[in-house]
C-alpha atoms as a PDB file:
ATOM      1  CA  MET A   1       4.747  22.871  -6.395  1.00  0.00           C
ATOM      2  CA  PRO A   2       1.551  24.570  -5.165  1.00  0.00           C
ATOM      3  CA  SER A   3       0.151  27.796  -6.560  1.00  0.00           C
ATOM      4  CA  PHE A   4       2.299  29.967  -4.329  1.00  0.00           C
ATOM      5  CA  SER A   5       5.346  29.235  -6.279  1.00  0.00           C
ATOM      6  CA  GLN A   6       5.815  32.653  -7.335  1.00  0.00           C
ATOM      7  CA  SER A   7       6.742  33.935  -4.092  1.00  0.00           C
ATOM      8  CA  SER A   8      10.033  33.225  -2.946  1.00  0.00           C
ATOM      9  CA  ARG A   9       9.192  33.733   1.080  1.00  0.00           C
ATOM     10  CA  ALA A  10       6.166  31.414   0.378  1.00  0.00           C
ATOM     11  CA  VAL A  11       8.284  28.671  -1.055  1.00  0.00           C
ATOM     12  CA  CYS A  12      10.813  29.271   1.735  1.00  0.00           C
ATOM     13  CA  ALA A  13       8.247  28.859   4.280  1.00  0.00           C
ATOM     14  CA  PHE A  14       6.935  25.746   2.597  1.00  0.00           C
ATOM     15  CA  GLU A  15      10.116  24.059   2.331  1.00  0.00           C
ATOM     16  CA  THR A  16      11.378  25.204   5.805  1.00  0.00           C
ATOM     17  CA  ALA A  17       7.785  23.517   7.149  1.00  0.00           C
ATOM     18  CA  ILE A  18       8.647  19.977   5.182  1.00  0.00           C
ATOM     19  CA  CYS A  19      12.064  20.048   6.785  1.00  0.00           C
ATOM     20  CA  LEU A  20      10.981  20.809  10.088  1.00  0.00           C
ATOM     21  CA  PHE A  21       8.082  18.439   9.938  1.00  0.00           C
ATOM     22  CA  ASN A  22      10.363  15.582   8.750  1.00  0.00           C
ATOM     23  CA  GLN A  23      12.803  16.362  11.318  1.00  0.00           C
ATOM     24  CA  TYR A  24      10.477  17.153  14.516  1.00  0.00           C
ATOM     25  CA  GLY A  25       6.986  15.865  13.849  1.00  0.00           C
ATOM     26  CA  PHE A  26       3.591  17.906  13.069  1.00  0.00           C
ATOM     27  CA  ASN A  27       2.937  18.189  16.714  1.00  0.00           C
ATOM     28  CA  ASN A  28       6.425  19.620  18.032  1.00  0.00           C
ATOM     29  CA  ILE A  29       6.440  22.178  15.323  1.00  0.00           C
ATOM     30  CA  GLY A  30       4.361  25.495  15.391  1.00  0.00           C
ATOM     31  CA  VAL A  31       3.824  28.221  13.040  1.00  0.00           C
ATOM     32  CA  ASP A  32       6.033  30.269  14.913  1.00  0.00           C
ATOM     33  CA  ARG A  33       8.938  28.309  14.517  1.00  0.00           C
ATOM     34  CA  ILE A  34       8.430  27.834  10.807  1.00  0.00           C
ATOM     35  CA  ILE A  35       8.322  31.616  10.569  1.00  0.00           C
ATOM     36  CA  GLU A  36      11.376  32.227  12.493  1.00  0.00           C
ATOM     37  CA  THR A  37      13.442  29.514  10.760  1.00  0.00           C
ATOM     38  CA  SER A  38      12.394  30.737   7.206  1.00  0.00           C
ATOM     39  CA  GLN A  39      13.147  34.033   8.264  1.00  0.00           C
ATOM     40  CA  ILE A  40       9.750  35.575   6.946  1.00  0.00           C
ATOM     41  CA  ALA A  41       7.368  38.020   8.423  1.00  0.00           C
ATOM     42  CA  LYS A  42       4.338  36.770  10.076  1.00  0.00           C
ATOM     43  CA  ALA A  43       2.011  38.539   7.713  1.00  0.00           C
ATOM     44  CA  SER A  44       3.759  37.220   4.798  1.00  0.00           C
ATOM     45  CA  PHE A  45       3.244  33.720   6.008  1.00  0.00           C
ATOM     46  CA  TYR A  46      -0.280  34.258   6.689  1.00  0.00           C
ATOM     47  CA  LYS A  47      -0.887  35.719   3.404  1.00  0.00           C
ATOM     48  CA  TYR A  48      -0.234  32.438   1.819  1.00  0.00           C
ATOM     49  CA  PHE A  49      -1.169  29.907   4.619  1.00  0.00           C
ATOM     50  CA  GLN A  50      -4.214  30.561   6.603  1.00  0.00           C
ATOM     51  CA  SER A  51      -3.342  27.990   9.257  1.00  0.00           C
ATOM     52  CA  LYS A  52      -1.082  25.480  10.279  1.00  0.00           C
ATOM     53  CA  GLU A  53      -3.571  22.736   9.116  1.00  0.00           C
ATOM     54  CA  GLN A  54      -3.828  24.291   5.662  1.00  0.00           C
ATOM     55  CA  LEU A  55       0.071  24.228   5.533  1.00  0.00           C
ATOM     56  CA  ILE A  56       0.140  20.640   6.433  1.00  0.00           C
ATOM     57  CA  GLU A  57      -2.369  19.890   3.865  1.00  0.00           C
ATOM     58  CA  ILE A  58      -0.146  21.584   1.144  1.00  0.00           C
ATOM     59  CA  CYS A  59       3.016  19.786   2.424  1.00  0.00           C
ATOM     60  CA  LEU A  60       1.241  16.308   2.232  1.00  0.00           C
ATOM     61  CA  SER A  61      -0.347  17.088  -1.063  1.00  0.00           C
ATOM     62  CA  ASP A  62       2.981  18.162  -2.422  1.00  0.00           C
ATOM     63  CA  GLN A  63       4.742  14.832  -0.948  1.00  0.00           C
ATOM     64  CA  ARG A  64       1.906  12.714  -2.286  1.00  0.00           C
ATOM     65  CA  LYS A  65       2.194  14.305  -5.819  1.00  0.00           C
ATOM     66  CA  ALA A  66       5.877  13.892  -6.111  1.00  0.00           C
ATOM     67  CA  LEU A  67       5.442  10.231  -4.910  1.00  0.00           C
ATOM     68  CA  LYS A  68       2.751   9.472  -7.452  1.00  0.00           C
ATOM     69  CA  LYS A  69       4.659  10.901 -10.168  1.00  0.00           C
ATOM     70  CA  GLU A  70       7.750   8.646  -9.172  1.00  0.00           C
ATOM     71  CA  VAL A  71       5.736   5.666  -8.991  1.00  0.00           C
ATOM     72  CA  HIS A  72       4.013   6.157 -12.479  1.00  0.00           C
ATOM     73  CA  TRP A  73       7.450   6.586 -13.850  1.00  0.00           C
ATOM     74  CA  VAL A  74       8.746   3.693 -12.335  1.00  0.00           C
ATOM     75  CA  ILE A  75       5.633   1.768 -13.519  1.00  0.00           C
ATOM     76  CA  ASN A  76       5.218   3.065 -17.131  1.00  0.00           C
ATOM     77  CA  THR A  77       8.597   4.251 -18.227  1.00  0.00           C
ATOM     78  CA  HIS A  78      10.712   1.241 -17.633  1.00  0.00           C
ATOM     79  CA  LYS A  79       8.765  -1.291 -19.954  1.00  0.00           C
ATOM     80  CA  ASN A  80      11.702  -3.613 -19.941  1.00  0.00           C
ATOM     81  CA  LEU A  81      11.953  -4.037 -16.196  1.00  0.00           C
ATOM     82  CA  SER A  82      10.259  -7.046 -14.718  1.00  0.00           C
ATOM     83  CA  VAL A  83       7.632  -6.822 -11.966  1.00  0.00           C
ATOM     84  CA  HIS A  84      10.174  -7.764  -9.272  1.00  0.00           C
ATOM     85  CA  GLU A  85      12.471  -4.914 -10.506  1.00  0.00           C
ATOM     86  CA  LYS A  86       9.715  -2.435 -10.527  1.00  0.00           C
ATOM     87  CA  LEU A  87       8.521  -3.343  -7.044  1.00  0.00           C
ATOM     88  CA  THR A  88      12.048  -2.959  -5.803  1.00  0.00           C
ATOM     89  CA  ARG A  89      12.390   0.342  -7.213  1.00  0.00           C
ATOM     90  CA  ILE A  90       9.028   1.215  -5.680  1.00  0.00           C
ATOM     91  CA  PHE A  91      10.163  -0.113  -2.380  1.00  0.00           C
ATOM     92  CA  ASP A  92      13.277   1.805  -2.432  1.00  0.00           C
ATOM     93  CA  LEU A  93      11.581   5.051  -3.146  1.00  0.00           C
ATOM     94  CA  HIS A  94       9.399   4.598  -0.184  1.00  0.00           C
ATOM     95  CA  ALA A  95      11.614   2.800   2.475  1.00  0.00           C
ATOM     96  CA  ASN A  96      13.820   5.868   2.499  1.00  0.00           C
ATOM     97  CA  LEU A  97      14.076   8.234   5.432  1.00  0.00           C
ATOM     98  CA  ASP A  98      14.860  11.070   3.049  1.00  0.00           C
ATOM     99  CA  GLY A  99      12.365  10.508   0.252  1.00  0.00           C
ATOM    100  CA  SER A 100       8.892  11.930   0.212  1.00  0.00           C
ATOM    101  CA  TYR A 101       7.007   9.052   1.759  1.00  0.00           C
ATOM    102  CA  HIS A 102       8.888   9.823   5.085  1.00  0.00           C
ATOM    103  CA  LEU A 103       6.496  12.974   5.772  1.00  0.00           C
ATOM    104  CA  LEU A 104       3.327  10.736   4.754  1.00  0.00           C
ATOM    105  CA  PHE A 105       4.534   7.934   7.015  1.00  0.00           C
ATOM    106  CA  LYS A 106       4.856  10.186   9.827  1.00  0.00           C
ATOM    107  CA  ALA A 107       1.784  11.704   9.286  1.00  0.00           C
ATOM    108  CA  ILE A 108      -0.211   8.406   9.846  1.00  0.00           C
ATOM    109  CA  PHE A 109       0.794   8.482  13.682  1.00  0.00           C
ATOM    110  CA  GLU A 110       0.622  12.234  14.289  1.00  0.00           C
ATOM    111  CA  ILE A 111      -2.350  13.815  12.507  1.00  0.00           C
ATOM    112  CA  GLU A 112      -5.381  11.647  12.460  1.00  0.00           C
ATOM    113  CA  LYS A 113      -7.461  13.351  15.205  1.00  0.00           C
ATOM    114  CA  ARG A 114      -6.089  16.919  15.141  1.00  0.00           C
ATOM    115  CA  TYR A 115      -5.919  17.280  11.420  1.00  0.00           C
ATOM    116  CA  PRO A 116      -8.412  14.727   9.858  1.00  0.00           C
ATOM    117  CA  ASP A 117      -8.521  16.505   6.290  1.00  0.00           C
ATOM    118  CA  ALA A 118      -4.967  16.571   5.893  1.00  0.00           C
ATOM    119  CA  TYR A 119      -4.842  12.693   7.257  1.00  0.00           C
ATOM    120  CA  GLN A 120      -7.394  11.670   4.617  1.00  0.00           C
ATOM    121  CA  ILE A 121      -4.500  12.933   1.848  1.00  0.00           C
ATOM    122  CA  VAL A 122      -2.371   9.984   3.527  1.00  0.00           C
ATOM    123  CA  VAL A 123      -5.109   7.465   3.466  1.00  0.00           C
ATOM    124  CA  GLU A 124      -5.707   8.506  -0.116  1.00  0.00           C
ATOM    125  CA  TYR A 125      -2.031   8.083  -1.220  1.00  0.00           C
ATOM    126  CA  ARG A 126      -2.020   4.677   0.507  1.00  0.00           C
ATOM    127  CA  ASN A 127      -5.122   3.427  -1.099  1.00  0.00           C
ATOM    128  CA  TRP A 128      -3.698   4.566  -4.439  1.00  0.00           C
ATOM    129  CA  LEU A 129      -0.326   3.015  -3.911  1.00  0.00           C
ATOM    130  CA  ILE A 130      -2.090  -0.554  -2.976  1.00  0.00           C
ATOM    131  CA  GLU A 131      -4.173  -0.414  -6.020  1.00  0.00           C
ATOM    132  CA  GLU A 132      -0.909   0.336  -8.238  1.00  0.00           C
ATOM    133  CA  VAL A 133       0.973  -2.241  -6.525  1.00  0.00           C
ATOM    134  CA  TYR A 134      -1.994  -4.621  -6.998  1.00  0.00           C
ATOM    135  CA  LYS A 135      -2.236  -3.976 -10.782  1.00  0.00           C
ATOM    136  CA  LEU A 136       1.437  -4.612 -10.948  1.00  0.00           C
ATOM    137  CA  LEU A 137       1.398  -7.946  -9.149  1.00  0.00           C
ATOM    138  CA  LEU A 138      -1.491  -8.918 -11.427  1.00  0.00           C
ATOM    139  CA  VAL A 139       0.978  -8.936 -14.329  1.00  0.00           C
ATOM    140  CA  ASP A 140       2.832 -11.819 -13.122  1.00  0.00           C
ATOM    141  CA  HIS A 141       0.623 -13.395 -10.447  1.00  0.00           C
ATOM    142  CA  VAL A 142      -2.674 -13.950 -11.554  1.00  0.00           C
ATOM    143  CA  ASN A 143      -3.854 -15.190  -8.335  1.00  0.00           C
ATOM    144  CA  ALA A 144      -2.608 -11.963  -6.373  1.00  0.00           C
ATOM    145  CA  SER A 145      -4.899 -10.158  -4.281  1.00  0.00           C
ATOM    146  CA  GLU A 146      -5.337  -6.734  -2.696  1.00  0.00           C
ATOM    147  CA  VAL A 147      -4.166  -8.294   0.467  1.00  0.00           C
ATOM    148  CA  ASP A 148      -1.001  -8.934  -1.185  1.00  0.00           C
ATOM    149  CA  ALA A 149      -0.568  -5.522  -2.156  1.00  0.00           C
ATOM    150  CA  GLN A 150      -1.402  -4.295   1.208  1.00  0.00           C
ATOM    151  CA  MET A 151       1.306  -6.621   2.581  1.00  0.00           C
ATOM    152  CA  PHE A 152       3.712  -4.972   0.326  1.00  0.00           C
ATOM    153  CA  LEU A 153       2.850  -1.619   2.027  1.00  0.00           C
ATOM    154  CA  PHE A 154       3.100  -3.133   5.346  1.00  0.00           C
ATOM    155  CA  VAL A 155       6.791  -4.329   4.599  1.00  0.00           C
ATOM    156  CA  VAL A 156       7.622  -0.807   3.424  1.00  0.00           C
ATOM    157  CA  ASP A 157       6.095   0.454   6.775  1.00  0.00           C
ATOM    158  CA  GLY A 158       7.875  -2.030   8.646  1.00  0.00           C
ATOM    159  CA  VAL A 159      11.088  -0.969   7.382  1.00  0.00           C
ATOM    160  CA  MET A 160      10.434   2.641   8.044  1.00  0.00           C
ATOM    161  CA  VAL A 161       9.818   1.578  11.398  1.00  0.00           C
ATOM    162  CA  LEU A 162      13.051  -0.088  11.722  1.00  0.00           C
ATOM    163  CA  LEU A 163      14.802   2.956   9.947  1.00  0.00           C
ATOM    164  CA  LEU A 164      13.241   5.621  12.389  1.00  0.00           C
ATOM    165  CA  GLY A 165      14.191   3.378  15.194  1.00  0.00           C
ATOM    166  CA  GLY A 166      17.940   3.288  14.081  1.00  0.00           C
ATOM    167  CA  SER A 167      18.115  -0.030  12.697  1.00  0.00           C
ATOM    168  CA  GLY A 168      19.128  -0.795   9.362  1.00  0.00           C
ATOM    169  CA  VAL A 169      17.678  -3.309   7.020  1.00  0.00           C
ATOM    170  CA  ASP A 170      20.573  -5.900   6.044  1.00  0.00           C
ATOM    171  CA  ASP A 171      19.199  -6.979   2.632  1.00  0.00           C
ATOM    172  CA  PRO A 172      16.089  -5.018   1.173  1.00  0.00           C
ATOM    173  CA  GLU A 173      16.009  -7.249  -1.748  1.00  0.00           C
ATOM    174  CA  GLN A 174      15.627 -10.242   0.545  1.00  0.00           C
ATOM    175  CA  LEU A 175      12.449  -8.666   1.765  1.00  0.00           C
ATOM    176  CA  ILE A 176      11.194  -8.175  -1.674  1.00  0.00           C
ATOM    177  CA  GLU A 177      12.248 -11.869  -2.571  1.00  0.00           C
ATOM    178  CA  GLY A 178      10.357 -13.035   0.661  1.00  0.00           C
ATOM    179  CA  PHE A 179       7.320 -11.035  -0.082  1.00  0.00           C
ATOM    180  CA  LEU A 180       6.919 -12.226  -3.625  1.00  0.00           C
ATOM    181  CA  VAL A 181       7.361 -15.813  -2.671  1.00  0.00           C
ATOM    182  CA  GLY A 182       3.974 -15.373  -0.556  1.00  0.00           C
ATOM    183  CA  VAL A 183       2.039 -13.627  -3.317  1.00  0.00           C
ATOM    184  CA  GLY A 184      -0.890 -15.407  -4.589  1.00  0.00           C
END
């Protein structure tokens, strides 16, 4: 949680913003809607967040931090899991509309031009994830390349598009299997 965590009003506005951005998008939600929904005074809001852009950056940074922590946990804590099992858990962590990646995924399409600094948070996370997946792939597949790790992220993104479009994924395990067959 960012440094404003000592203020219940700031935390309320922050959590409200994440929910509203997830549900309606970055461009459809303004500061006034966040203030109204979180039921805080406008002055209180601006005491902690100088602009909508800063709030978006804080929200994306928080989601990025949570995802990095969870990915590290999967990779480093579960030494007994195979690479396949770790990739499946990382996949499940990302291909989920209720997860932290949803906001970062949504940002890819909505904020690049309007909020370029916030967009860089998403780019940094995606590059970091590709690198982590690449290192993981090298454990079992010596011929793996960064392109293989990028393909993993593309599979995740494809599933997110399907989920956002109302379609489900029949067998996510089969997607991971298919991906691993093509590695190296």
